[in-house]
Amino acid sequence: SLKLPTAVYEGPSFGYTQTLAHSCFPQQKRVMLNMFLDIVADP
C-alpha cells in the first residue's frame, strides 16, 4: 500500500521501512478485528 505514495513522489515521507509493522501494534501479542480497526482508524 505504501507504493501508492511513492508512485506520486511522496516516498521520503511515507516510504516503507522494516520496523513499521511492529510500530503499529506495540506490545500487542494478539490483535483481533476490533483492535485492528481501533488502531488503523486512528492510524
PDB file of all heavy atoms in Angstrom:
ATOM      1  N   SER A   1       0.816  -1.215   0.000  1.00  0.00           N
ATOM      2  CA  SER A   1       0.000   0.000   0.000  1.00  0.00           C
ATOM      3  C   SER A   1       0.850   1.266   0.000  1.00  0.00           C
ATOM      4  O   SER A   1       0.445   2.286  -0.577  1.00  0.00           O
ATOM      5  CB  SER A   1      -0.932   0.004   1.217  1.00  0.00           C
ATOM      6  OG  SER A   1      -0.187  -0.025   2.423  1.00  0.00           O
ATOM      7  N   LEU A   2       2.026   1.212   0.608  1.00  0.00           N
ATOM      8  CA  LEU A   2       2.894   2.393   0.635  1.00  0.00           C
ATOM      9  C   LEU A   2       3.602   2.626  -0.694  1.00  0.00           C
ATOM     10  O   LEU A   2       4.307   3.618  -0.848  1.00  0.00           O
ATOM     11  CB  LEU A   2       3.920   2.269   1.761  1.00  0.00           C
ATOM     12  CG  LEU A   2       3.338   2.374   3.176  1.00  0.00           C
ATOM     13  CD1 LEU A   2       4.421   2.205   4.218  1.00  0.00           C
ATOM     14  CD2 LEU A   2       2.616   3.696   3.369  1.00  0.00           C
ATOM     15  N   LYS A   3       3.398   1.730  -1.659  1.00  0.00           N
ATOM     16  CA  LYS A   3       3.890   2.013  -3.004  1.00  0.00           C
ATOM     17  C   LYS A   3       3.069   3.109  -3.683  1.00  0.00           C
ATOM     18  O   LYS A   3       3.559   3.758  -4.613  1.00  0.00           O
ATOM     19  CB  LYS A   3       3.847   0.737  -3.853  1.00  0.00           C
ATOM     20  CG  LYS A   3       4.841  -0.328  -3.427  1.00  0.00           C
ATOM     21  CD  LYS A   3       4.692  -1.582  -4.268  1.00  0.00           C
ATOM     22  CE  LYS A   3       5.664  -2.663  -3.808  1.00  0.00           C
ATOM     23  NZ  LYS A   3       5.507  -3.929  -4.571  1.00  0.00           N
ATOM     24  N   LEU A   4       1.837   3.312  -3.213  1.00  0.00           N
ATOM     25  CA  LEU A   4       0.999   4.354  -3.805  1.00  0.00           C
ATOM     26  C   LEU A   4       1.541   5.746  -3.513  1.00  0.00           C
ATOM     27  O   LEU A   4       1.665   6.560  -4.437  1.00  0.00           O
ATOM     28  CB  LEU A   4      -0.441   4.198  -3.307  1.00  0.00           C
ATOM     29  CG  LEU A   4      -1.117   2.862  -3.656  1.00  0.00           C
ATOM     30  CD1 LEU A   4      -2.498   2.780  -3.012  1.00  0.00           C
ATOM     31  CD2 LEU A   4      -1.222   2.698  -5.164  1.00  0.00           C
ATOM     32  N   PRO A   5       1.874   6.103  -2.251  1.00  0.00           N
ATOM     33  CA  PRO A   5       2.523   7.406  -2.045  1.00  0.00           C
ATOM     34  C   PRO A   5       3.852   7.543  -2.772  1.00  0.00           C
ATOM     35  O   PRO A   5       4.186   8.631  -3.264  1.00  0.00           O
ATOM     36  CB  PRO A   5       2.713   7.472  -0.517  1.00  0.00           C
ATOM     37  CG  PRO A   5       1.704   6.537   0.035  1.00  0.00           C
ATOM     38  CD  PRO A   5       1.582   5.441  -0.972  1.00  0.00           C
ATOM     39  N   THR A   6       4.599   6.445  -2.865  1.00  0.00           N
ATOM     40  CA  THR A   6       5.868   6.509  -3.581  1.00  0.00           C
ATOM     41  C   THR A   6       5.649   6.810  -5.059  1.00  0.00           C
ATOM     42  O   THR A   6       6.439   7.533  -5.685  1.00  0.00           O
ATOM     43  CB  THR A   6       6.632   5.190  -3.412  1.00  0.00           C
ATOM     44  OG1 THR A   6       6.785   4.907  -2.016  1.00  0.00           O
ATOM     45  CG2 THR A   6       8.004   5.269  -4.051  1.00  0.00           C
ATOM     46  N   ALA A   7       4.563   6.261  -5.634  1.00  0.00           N
ATOM     47  CA  ALA A   7       4.289   6.492  -7.046  1.00  0.00           C
ATOM     48  C   ALA A   7       3.963   7.945  -7.341  1.00  0.00           C
ATOM     49  O   ALA A   7       4.178   8.416  -8.462  1.00  0.00           O
ATOM     50  CB  ALA A   7       3.132   5.597  -7.508  1.00  0.00           C
ATOM     51  N   VAL A   8       3.439   8.682  -6.346  1.00  0.00           N
ATOM     52  CA  VAL A   8       3.142  10.106  -6.545  1.00  0.00           C
ATOM     53  C   VAL A   8       4.237  10.969  -5.917  1.00  0.00           C
ATOM     54  O   VAL A   8       3.981  12.099  -5.496  1.00  0.00           O
ATOM     55  CB  VAL A   8       1.750  10.462  -5.973  1.00  0.00           C
ATOM     56  CG1 VAL A   8       0.663   9.796  -6.774  1.00  0.00           C
ATOM     57  CG2 VAL A   8       1.634  10.092  -4.499  1.00  0.00           C
ATOM     58  N   TYR A   9       5.435  10.389  -5.791  1.00  0.00           N
ATOM     59  CA  TYR A   9       6.644  11.117  -5.370  1.00  0.00           C
ATOM     60  C   TYR A   9       6.579  11.563  -3.914  1.00  0.00           C
ATOM     61  O   TYR A   9       7.114  12.614  -3.549  1.00  0.00           O
ATOM     62  CB  TYR A   9       6.882  12.321  -6.280  1.00  0.00           C
ATOM     63  CG  TYR A   9       6.746  12.005  -7.743  1.00  0.00           C
ATOM     64  CD1 TYR A   9       5.694  12.513  -8.487  1.00  0.00           C
ATOM     65  CD2 TYR A   9       7.656  11.151  -8.380  1.00  0.00           C
ATOM     66  CE1 TYR A   9       5.546  12.204  -9.832  1.00  0.00           C
ATOM     67  CE2 TYR A   9       7.516  10.833  -9.716  1.00  0.00           C
ATOM     68  CZ  TYR A   9       6.464  11.357 -10.444  1.00  0.00           C
ATOM     69  OH  TYR A   9       6.320  11.042 -11.772  1.00  0.00           O
ATOM     70  N   GLU A  10       5.948  10.773  -3.055  1.00  0.00           N
ATOM     71  CA  GLU A  10       5.914  11.055  -1.626  1.00  0.00           C
ATOM     72  C   GLU A  10       6.610   9.956  -0.830  1.00  0.00           C
ATOM     73  O   GLU A  10       6.308   9.755   0.348  1.00  0.00           O
ATOM     74  CB  GLU A  10       4.465  11.213  -1.147  1.00  0.00           C
ATOM     75  CG  GLU A  10       3.726  12.371  -1.762  1.00  0.00           C
ATOM     76  CD  GLU A  10       4.339  13.719  -1.411  1.00  0.00           C
ATOM     77  OE1 GLU A  10       4.948  13.825  -0.322  1.00  0.00           O
ATOM     78  OE2 GLU A  10       4.210  14.658  -2.212  1.00  0.00           O
ATOM     79  N   GLY A  11       7.514   9.246  -1.484  1.00  0.00           N
ATOM     80  CA  GLY A  11       8.234   8.173  -0.815  1.00  0.00           C
ATOM     81  C   GLY A  11       9.050   8.608   0.383  1.00  0.00           C
ATOM     82  O   GLY A  11       9.075   7.908   1.405  1.00  0.00           O
ATOM     83  N   PRO A  12       9.750   9.743   0.346  1.00  0.00           N
ATOM     84  CA  PRO A  12      10.535  10.133   1.529  1.00  0.00           C
ATOM     85  C   PRO A  12       9.686  10.330   2.782  1.00  0.00           C
ATOM     86  O   PRO A  12      10.177  10.117   3.894  1.00  0.00           O
ATOM     87  CB  PRO A  12      11.190  11.455   1.088  1.00  0.00           C
ATOM     88  CG  PRO A  12      11.266  11.351  -0.400  1.00  0.00           C
ATOM     89  CD  PRO A  12      10.032  10.613  -0.816  1.00  0.00           C
ATOM     90  N   SER A  13       8.432  10.725   2.628  1.00  0.00           N
ATOM     91  CA  SER A  13       7.592  10.953   3.805  1.00  0.00           C
ATOM     92  C   SER A  13       6.869   9.686   4.250  1.00  0.00           C
ATOM     93  O   SER A  13       6.665   9.473   5.449  1.00  0.00           O
ATOM     94  CB  SER A  13       6.555  12.046   3.512  1.00  0.00           C
ATOM     95  OG  SER A  13       7.180  13.261   3.167  1.00  0.00           O
ATOM     96  N   PHE A  14       6.448   8.845   3.292  1.00  0.00           N
ATOM     97  CA  PHE A  14       5.643   7.676   3.627  1.00  0.00           C
ATOM     98  C   PHE A  14       6.186   6.423   2.948  1.00  0.00           C
ATOM     99  O   PHE A  14       5.427   5.605   2.431  1.00  0.00           O
ATOM    100  CB  PHE A  14       4.187   7.901   3.218  1.00  0.00           C
ATOM    101  CG  PHE A  14       3.546   9.067   3.915  1.00  0.00           C
ATOM    102  CD1 PHE A  14       3.367  10.268   3.246  1.00  0.00           C
ATOM    103  CD2 PHE A  14       3.141   8.981   5.229  1.00  0.00           C
ATOM    104  CE1 PHE A  14       2.787  11.349   3.872  1.00  0.00           C
ATOM    105  CE2 PHE A  14       2.569  10.057   5.872  1.00  0.00           C
ATOM    106  CZ  PHE A  14       2.379  11.242   5.197  1.00  0.00           C
ATOM    107  N   GLY A  15       7.474   6.272   2.950  1.00  0.00           N
ATOM    108  CA  GLY A  15       8.072   5.072   2.391  1.00  0.00           C
ATOM    109  C   GLY A  15       8.061   3.929   3.382  1.00  0.00           C
ATOM    110  O   GLY A  15       7.888   4.109   4.603  1.00  0.00           O
ATOM    111  N   TYR A  16       8.246   2.723   2.880  1.00  0.00           N
ATOM    112  CA  TYR A  16       8.224   1.535   3.724  1.00  0.00           C
ATOM    113  C   TYR A  16       9.566   1.344   4.409  1.00  0.00           C
ATOM    114  O   TYR A  16      10.620   1.537   3.813  1.00  0.00           O
ATOM    115  CB  TYR A  16       7.883   0.305   2.880  1.00  0.00           C
ATOM    116  CG  TYR A  16       8.108  -0.995   3.606  1.00  0.00           C
ATOM    117  CD1 TYR A  16       7.178  -1.471   4.517  1.00  0.00           C
ATOM    118  CD2 TYR A  16       9.268  -1.741   3.383  1.00  0.00           C
ATOM    119  CE1 TYR A  16       7.392  -2.656   5.198  1.00  0.00           C
ATOM    120  CE2 TYR A  16       9.484  -2.927   4.043  1.00  0.00           C
ATOM    121  CZ  TYR A  16       8.550  -3.380   4.961  1.00  0.00           C
ATOM    122  OH  TYR A  16       8.759  -4.557   5.626  1.00  0.00           O
ATOM    123  N   THR A  17       9.492   0.960   5.692  1.00  0.00           N
ATOM    124  CA  THR A  17      10.664   0.526   6.443  1.00  0.00           C
ATOM    125  C   THR A  17      10.316  -0.768   7.167  1.00  0.00           C
ATOM    126  O   THR A  17       9.144  -1.073   7.402  1.00  0.00           O
ATOM    127  CB  THR A  17      11.110   1.584   7.473  1.00  0.00           C
ATOM    128  OG1 THR A  17      10.039   1.806   8.402  1.00  0.00           O
ATOM    129  CG2 THR A  17      11.464   2.894   6.789  1.00  0.00           C
ATOM    130  N   GLN A  18      11.302  -1.520   7.533  1.00  0.00           N
ATOM    131  CA  GLN A  18      11.082  -2.839   8.117  1.00  0.00           C
ATOM    132  C   GLN A  18      10.504  -2.788   9.523  1.00  0.00           C
ATOM    133  O   GLN A  18      10.026  -3.804  10.031  1.00  0.00           O
ATOM    134  CB  GLN A  18      12.394  -3.625   8.116  1.00  0.00           C
ATOM    135  CG  GLN A  18      12.933  -3.920   6.725  1.00  0.00           C
ATOM    136  CD  GLN A  18      14.226  -4.707   6.759  1.00  0.00           C
ATOM    137  OE1 GLN A  18      14.786  -4.945   7.825  1.00  0.00           O
ATOM    138  NE2 GLN A  18      14.708  -5.112   5.581  1.00  0.00           N
ATOM    139  N   THR A  19      10.530  -1.652  10.169  1.00  0.00           N
ATOM    140  CA  THR A  19      10.028  -1.551  11.552  1.00  0.00           C
ATOM    141  C   THR A  19       8.608  -0.998  11.623  1.00  0.00           C
ATOM    142  O   THR A  19       8.081  -0.806  12.718  1.00  0.00           O
ATOM    143  CB  THR A  19      10.959  -0.648  12.371  1.00  0.00           C
ATOM    144  OG1 THR A  19      11.000   0.662  11.766  1.00  0.00           O
ATOM    145  CG2 THR A  19      12.362  -1.231  12.423  1.00  0.00           C
ATOM    146  N   LEU A  20       7.990  -0.733  10.483  1.00  0.00           N
ATOM    147  CA  LEU A  20       6.663  -0.102  10.511  1.00  0.00           C
ATOM    148  C   LEU A  20       5.611  -1.005  11.133  1.00  0.00           C
ATOM    149  O   LEU A  20       4.792  -0.548  11.940  1.00  0.00           O
ATOM    150  CB  LEU A  20       6.246   0.276   9.081  1.00  0.00           C
ATOM    151  CG  LEU A  20       6.879   1.531   8.491  1.00  0.00           C
ATOM    152  CD1 LEU A  20       6.355   1.767   7.087  1.00  0.00           C
ATOM    153  CD2 LEU A  20       6.594   2.743   9.367  1.00  0.00           C
ATOM    154  N   ALA A  21       5.582  -2.276  10.753  1.00  0.00           N
ATOM    155  CA  ALA A  21       4.541  -3.176  11.251  1.00  0.00           C
ATOM    156  C   ALA A  21       4.605  -3.305  12.766  1.00  0.00           C
ATOM    157  O   ALA A  21       3.570  -3.286  13.450  1.00  0.00           O
ATOM    158  CB  ALA A  21       4.671  -4.542  10.582  1.00  0.00           C
ATOM    159  N   HIS A  22       5.785  -3.419  13.314  1.00  0.00           N
ATOM    160  CA  HIS A  22       5.913  -3.545  14.771  1.00  0.00           C
ATOM    161  C   HIS A  22       5.551  -2.245  15.477  1.00  0.00           C
ATOM    162  O   HIS A  22       5.050  -2.268  16.605  1.00  0.00           O
ATOM    163  CB  HIS A  22       7.341  -3.957  15.134  1.00  0.00           C
ATOM    164  CG  HIS A  22       7.706  -5.337  14.671  1.00  0.00           C
ATOM    165  ND1 HIS A  22       7.383  -6.480  15.379  1.00  0.00           N
ATOM    166  CD2 HIS A  22       8.357  -5.752  13.551  1.00  0.00           C
ATOM    167  CE1 HIS A  22       7.821  -7.548  14.725  1.00  0.00           C
ATOM    168  NE2 HIS A  22       8.423  -7.134  13.609  1.00  0.00           N
ATOM    169  N   SER A  23       5.787  -1.098  14.835  1.00  0.00           N
ATOM    170  CA  SER A  23       5.450   0.172  15.468  1.00  0.00           C
ATOM    171  C   SER A  23       3.946   0.426  15.493  1.00  0.00           C
ATOM    172  O   SER A  23       3.468   1.214  16.308  1.00  0.00           O
ATOM    173  CB  SER A  23       6.148   1.316  14.737  1.00  0.00           C
ATOM    174  OG  SER A  23       5.681   1.409  13.395  1.00  0.00           O
ATOM    175  N   CYS A  24       3.192  -0.233  14.603  1.00  0.00           N
ATOM    176  CA  CYS A  24       1.736  -0.032  14.581  1.00  0.00           C
ATOM    177  C   CYS A  24       1.045  -0.728  15.744  1.00  0.00           C
ATOM    178  O   CYS A  24       0.005  -0.254  16.234  1.00  0.00           O
ATOM    179  CB  CYS A  24       1.162  -0.547  13.265  1.00  0.00           C
ATOM    180  SG  CYS A  24       1.670   0.381  11.817  1.00  0.00           S
ATOM    181  N   PHE A  25       1.590  -1.854  16.194  1.00  0.00           N
ATOM    182  CA  PHE A  25       0.972  -2.623  17.280  1.00  0.00           C
ATOM    183  C   PHE A  25       2.008  -2.899  18.359  1.00  0.00           C
ATOM    184  O   PHE A  25       2.451  -4.034  18.545  1.00  0.00           O
ATOM    185  CB  PHE A  25       0.401  -3.943  16.754  1.00  0.00           C
ATOM    186  CG  PHE A  25      -0.562  -3.768  15.612  1.00  0.00           C
ATOM    187  CD1 PHE A  25      -0.140  -3.963  14.311  1.00  0.00           C
ATOM    188  CD2 PHE A  25      -1.873  -3.404  15.839  1.00  0.00           C
ATOM    189  CE1 PHE A  25      -1.018  -3.804  13.254  1.00  0.00           C
ATOM    190  CE2 PHE A  25      -2.755  -3.243  14.796  1.00  0.00           C
ATOM    191  CZ  PHE A  25      -2.335  -3.435  13.497  1.00  0.00           C
ATOM    192  N   PRO A  26       2.419  -1.870  19.087  1.00  0.00           N
ATOM    193  CA  PRO A  26       3.434  -2.093  20.122  1.00  0.00           C
ATOM    194  C   PRO A  26       2.858  -2.895  21.291  1.00  0.00           C
ATOM    195  O   PRO A  26       1.762  -2.619  21.797  1.00  0.00           O
ATOM    196  CB  PRO A  26       3.805  -0.662  20.554  1.00  0.00           C
ATOM    197  CG  PRO A  26       2.594   0.156  20.221  1.00  0.00           C
ATOM    198  CD  PRO A  26       1.983  -0.470  19.004  1.00  0.00           C
ATOM    199  N   GLN A  27       3.598  -3.930  21.675  1.00  0.00           N
ATOM    200  CA  GLN A  27       3.258  -4.749  22.841  1.00  0.00           C
ATOM    201  C   GLN A  27       1.885  -5.415  22.720  1.00  0.00           C
ATOM    202  O   GLN A  27       1.249  -5.701  23.737  1.00  0.00           O
ATOM    203  CB  GLN A  27       3.302  -3.892  24.119  1.00  0.00           C
ATOM    204  CG  GLN A  27       4.669  -3.274  24.373  1.00  0.00           C
ATOM    205  CD  GLN A  27       4.679  -2.407  25.612  1.00  0.00           C
ATOM    206  OE1 GLN A  27       3.637  -2.186  26.230  1.00  0.00           O
ATOM    207  NE2 GLN A  27       5.853  -1.923  25.979  1.00  0.00           N
ATOM    208  N   GLN A  28       1.418  -5.638  21.516  1.00  0.00           N
ATOM    209  CA  GLN A  28       0.156  -6.350  21.314  1.00  0.00           C
ATOM    210  C   GLN A  28       0.474  -7.734  20.748  1.00  0.00           C
ATOM    211  O   GLN A  28       0.922  -7.867  19.608  1.00  0.00           O
ATOM    212  CB  GLN A  28      -0.755  -5.583  20.342  1.00  0.00           C
ATOM    213  CG  GLN A  28      -1.151  -4.192  20.820  1.00  0.00           C
ATOM    214  CD  GLN A  28      -2.060  -4.235  22.036  1.00  0.00           C
ATOM    215  OE1 GLN A  28      -2.663  -5.260  22.333  1.00  0.00           O
ATOM    216  NE2 GLN A  28      -2.157  -3.115  22.725  1.00  0.00           N
ATOM    217  N   LYS A  29       0.230  -8.763  21.549  1.00  0.00           N
ATOM    218  CA  LYS A  29       0.545 -10.115  21.120  1.00  0.00           C
ATOM    219  C   LYS A  29      -0.578 -10.741  20.293  1.00  0.00           C
ATOM    220  O   LYS A  29      -0.305 -11.597  19.459  1.00  0.00           O
ATOM    221  CB  LYS A  29       0.836 -10.985  22.343  1.00  0.00           C
ATOM    222  CG  LYS A  29       2.043 -10.530  23.141  1.00  0.00           C
ATOM    223  CD  LYS A  29       2.303 -11.457  24.318  1.00  0.00           C
ATOM    224  CE  LYS A  29       3.525 -11.001  25.114  1.00  0.00           C
ATOM    225  NZ  LYS A  29       3.785 -11.900  26.269  1.00  0.00           N
ATOM    226  N   ARG A  30      -1.802 -10.348  20.554  1.00  0.00           N
ATOM    227  CA  ARG A  30      -2.945 -10.956  19.870  1.00  0.00           C
ATOM    228  C   ARG A  30      -3.867  -9.827  19.410  1.00  0.00           C
ATOM    229  O   ARG A  30      -4.582  -9.233  20.216  1.00  0.00           O
ATOM    230  CB  ARG A  30      -3.669 -11.915  20.808  1.00  0.00           C
ATOM    231  CG  ARG A  30      -4.826 -12.676  20.163  1.00  0.00           C
ATOM    232  CD  ARG A  30      -5.483 -13.578  21.204  1.00  0.00           C
ATOM    233  NE  ARG A  30      -6.662 -14.223  20.682  1.00  0.00           N
ATOM    234  CZ  ARG A  30      -6.675 -15.395  20.049  1.00  0.00           C
ATOM    235  NH1 ARG A  30      -5.539 -16.032  19.851  1.00  0.00           N
ATOM    236  NH2 ARG A  30      -7.802 -15.926  19.624  1.00  0.00           N
ATOM    237  N   VAL A  31      -3.869  -9.539  18.132  1.00  0.00           N
ATOM    238  CA  VAL A  31      -4.657  -8.447  17.569  1.00  0.00           C
ATOM    239  C   VAL A  31      -5.845  -9.046  16.824  1.00  0.00           C
ATOM    240  O   VAL A  31      -5.676  -9.792  15.859  1.00  0.00           O
ATOM    241  CB  VAL A  31      -3.818  -7.580  16.611  1.00  0.00           C
ATOM    242  CG1 VAL A  31      -4.666  -6.464  16.016  1.00  0.00           C
ATOM    243  CG2 VAL A  31      -2.613  -7.008  17.349  1.00  0.00           C
ATOM    244  N   MET A  32      -7.049  -8.703  17.299  1.00  0.00           N
ATOM    245  CA  MET A  32      -8.284  -9.158  16.660  1.00  0.00           C
ATOM    246  C   MET A  32      -8.859  -8.024  15.807  1.00  0.00           C
ATOM    247  O   MET A  32      -8.264  -6.947  15.691  1.00  0.00           O
ATOM    248  CB  MET A  32      -9.294  -9.620  17.714  1.00  0.00           C
ATOM    249  CG  MET A  32      -8.738 -10.628  18.698  1.00  0.00           C
ATOM    250  SD  MET A  32      -8.328 -12.222  17.949  1.00  0.00           S
ATOM    251  CE  MET A  32      -9.955 -12.905  17.693  1.00  0.00           C
ATOM    252  N   LEU A  33     -10.028  -8.272  15.222  1.00  0.00           N
ATOM    253  CA  LEU A  33     -10.597  -7.339  14.258  1.00  0.00           C
ATOM    254  C   LEU A  33     -10.860  -5.972  14.879  1.00  0.00           C
ATOM    255  O   LEU A  33     -10.459  -4.941  14.322  1.00  0.00           O
ATOM    256  CB  LEU A  33     -11.888  -7.916  13.670  1.00  0.00           C
ATOM    257  CG  LEU A  33     -12.689  -6.987  12.754  1.00  0.00           C
ATOM    258  CD1 LEU A  33     -11.859  -6.558  11.555  1.00  0.00           C
ATOM    259  CD2 LEU A  33     -13.980  -7.655  12.301  1.00  0.00           C
ATOM    260  N   ASN A  34     -11.553  -5.922  16.014  1.00  0.00           N
ATOM    261  CA  ASN A  34     -11.924  -4.632  16.597  1.00  0.00           C
ATOM    262  C   ASN A  34     -10.704  -3.834  17.040  1.00  0.00           C
ATOM    263  O   ASN A  34     -10.675  -2.608  16.889  1.00  0.00           O
ATOM    264  CB  ASN A  34     -12.886  -4.855  17.772  1.00  0.00           C
ATOM    265  CG  ASN A  34     -14.226  -5.393  17.326  1.00  0.00           C
ATOM    266  OD1 ASN A  34     -14.929  -4.762  16.542  1.00  0.00           O
ATOM    267  ND2 ASN A  34     -14.588  -6.575  17.802  1.00  0.00           N
ATOM    268  N   MET A  35      -9.709  -4.508  17.563  1.00  0.00           N
ATOM    269  CA  MET A  35      -8.478  -3.808  17.936  1.00  0.00           C
ATOM    270  C   MET A  35      -7.769  -3.280  16.695  1.00  0.00           C
ATOM    271  O   MET A  35      -7.228  -2.164  16.696  1.00  0.00           O
ATOM    272  CB  MET A  35      -7.551  -4.741  18.723  1.00  0.00           C
ATOM    273  CG  MET A  35      -6.281  -4.067  19.216  1.00  0.00           C
ATOM    274  SD  MET A  35      -5.166  -5.227  20.050  1.00  0.00           S
ATOM    275  CE  MET A  35      -6.212  -5.759  21.406  1.00  0.00           C
ATOM    276  N   PHE A  36      -7.777  -4.057  15.624  1.00  0.00           N
ATOM    277  CA  PHE A  36      -7.173  -3.611  14.373  1.00  0.00           C
ATOM    278  C   PHE A  36      -7.883  -2.369  13.853  1.00  0.00           C
ATOM    279  O   PHE A  36      -7.233  -1.410  13.403  1.00  0.00           O
ATOM    280  CB  PHE A  36      -7.258  -4.747  13.354  1.00  0.00           C
ATOM    281  CG  PHE A  36      -6.722  -4.394  11.995  1.00  0.00           C
ATOM    282  CD1 PHE A  36      -5.371  -4.422  11.732  1.00  0.00           C
ATOM    283  CD2 PHE A  36      -7.585  -4.036  10.962  1.00  0.00           C
ATOM    284  CE1 PHE A  36      -4.877  -4.099  10.477  1.00  0.00           C
ATOM    285  CE2 PHE A  36      -7.107  -3.713   9.711  1.00  0.00           C
ATOM    286  CZ  PHE A  36      -5.743  -3.745   9.467  1.00  0.00           C
ATOM    287  N   LEU A  37      -9.226  -2.344  13.910  1.00  0.00           N
ATOM    288  CA  LEU A  37      -9.968  -1.176  13.444  1.00  0.00           C
ATOM    289  C   LEU A  37      -9.707   0.035  14.331  1.00  0.00           C
ATOM    290  O   LEU A  37      -9.614   1.167  13.836  1.00  0.00           O
ATOM    291  CB  LEU A  37     -11.467  -1.494  13.414  1.00  0.00           C
ATOM    292  CG  LEU A  37     -11.909  -2.569  12.420  1.00  0.00           C
ATOM    293  CD1 LEU A  37     -13.401  -2.807  12.525  1.00  0.00           C
ATOM    294  CD2 LEU A  37     -11.534  -2.189  10.998  1.00  0.00           C
ATOM    295  N   ASP A  38      -9.586  -0.173  15.625  1.00  0.00           N
ATOM    296  CA  ASP A  38      -9.311   0.949  16.536  1.00  0.00           C
ATOM    297  C   ASP A  38      -7.961   1.591  16.225  1.00  0.00           C
ATOM    298  O   ASP A  38      -7.825   2.824  16.229  1.00  0.00           O
ATOM    299  CB  ASP A  38      -9.329   0.464  17.985  1.00  0.00           C
ATOM    300  CG  ASP A  38     -10.732   0.096  18.446  1.00  0.00           C
ATOM    301  OD1 ASP A  38     -11.703   0.598  17.828  1.00  0.00           O
ATOM    302  OD2 ASP A  38     -10.865  -0.716  19.382  1.00  0.00           O
ATOM    303  N   ILE A  39      -6.960   0.769  15.961  1.00  0.00           N
ATOM    304  CA  ILE A  39      -5.613   1.300  15.756  1.00  0.00           C
ATOM    305  C   ILE A  39      -5.462   1.915  14.378  1.00  0.00           C
ATOM    306  O   ILE A  39      -4.919   3.014  14.222  1.00  0.00           O
ATOM    307  CB  ILE A  39      -4.576   0.174  15.977  1.00  0.00           C
ATOM    308  CG1 ILE A  39      -4.603  -0.260  17.446  1.00  0.00           C
ATOM    309  CG2 ILE A  39      -3.171   0.645  15.591  1.00  0.00           C
ATOM    310  CD1 ILE A  39      -3.682  -1.412  17.765  1.00  0.00           C
ATOM    311  N   VAL A  40      -5.972   1.226  13.337  1.00  0.00           N
ATOM    312  CA  VAL A  40      -5.772   1.715  11.975  1.00  0.00           C
ATOM    313  C   VAL A  40      -6.721   2.865  11.664  1.00  0.00           C
ATOM    314  O   VAL A  40      -6.402   3.747  10.852  1.00  0.00           O
ATOM    315  CB  VAL A  40      -5.939   0.562  10.964  1.00  0.00           C
ATOM    316  CG1 VAL A  40      -5.704   1.038   9.545  1.00  0.00           C
ATOM    317  CG2 VAL A  40      -4.986  -0.579  11.303  1.00  0.00           C
ATOM    318  N   ALA A  41      -7.925   2.904  12.275  1.00  0.00           N
ATOM    319  CA  ALA A  41      -8.826   4.032  12.058  1.00  0.00           C
ATOM    320  C   ALA A  41      -8.232   5.322  12.616  1.00  0.00           C
ATOM    321  O   ALA A  41      -8.496   6.412  12.099  1.00  0.00           O
ATOM    322  CB  ALA A  41     -10.180   3.752  12.701  1.00  0.00           C
ATOM    323  N   ASP A  42      -7.467   5.218  13.702  1.00  0.00           N
ATOM    324  CA  ASP A  42      -6.685   6.359  14.199  1.00  0.00           C
ATOM    325  C   ASP A  42      -5.219   6.004  13.954  1.00  0.00           C
ATOM    326  O   ASP A  42      -4.500   5.594  14.858  1.00  0.00           O
ATOM    327  CB  ASP A  42      -6.962   6.570  15.688  1.00  0.00           C
ATOM    328  CG  ASP A  42      -6.289   7.825  16.213  1.00  0.00           C
ATOM    329  OD1 ASP A  42      -5.826   8.636  15.384  1.00  0.00           O
ATOM    330  OD2 ASP A  42      -6.219   7.986  17.438  1.00  0.00           O
ATOM    331  N   PRO A  43      -4.758   6.141  12.713  1.00  0.00           N
ATOM    332  CA  PRO A  43      -3.604   5.370  12.257  1.00  0.00           C
ATOM    333  C   PRO A  43      -2.272   5.891  12.754  1.00  0.00           C
ATOM    334  O   PRO A  43      -2.138   7.032  13.199  1.00  0.00           O
ATOM    335  CB  PRO A  43      -3.703   5.506  10.732  1.00  0.00           C
ATOM    336  CG  PRO A  43      -4.326   6.839  10.531  1.00  0.00           C
ATOM    337  CD  PRO A  43      -5.280   7.024  11.675  1.00  0.00           C
TER     338      PRO A  43
END
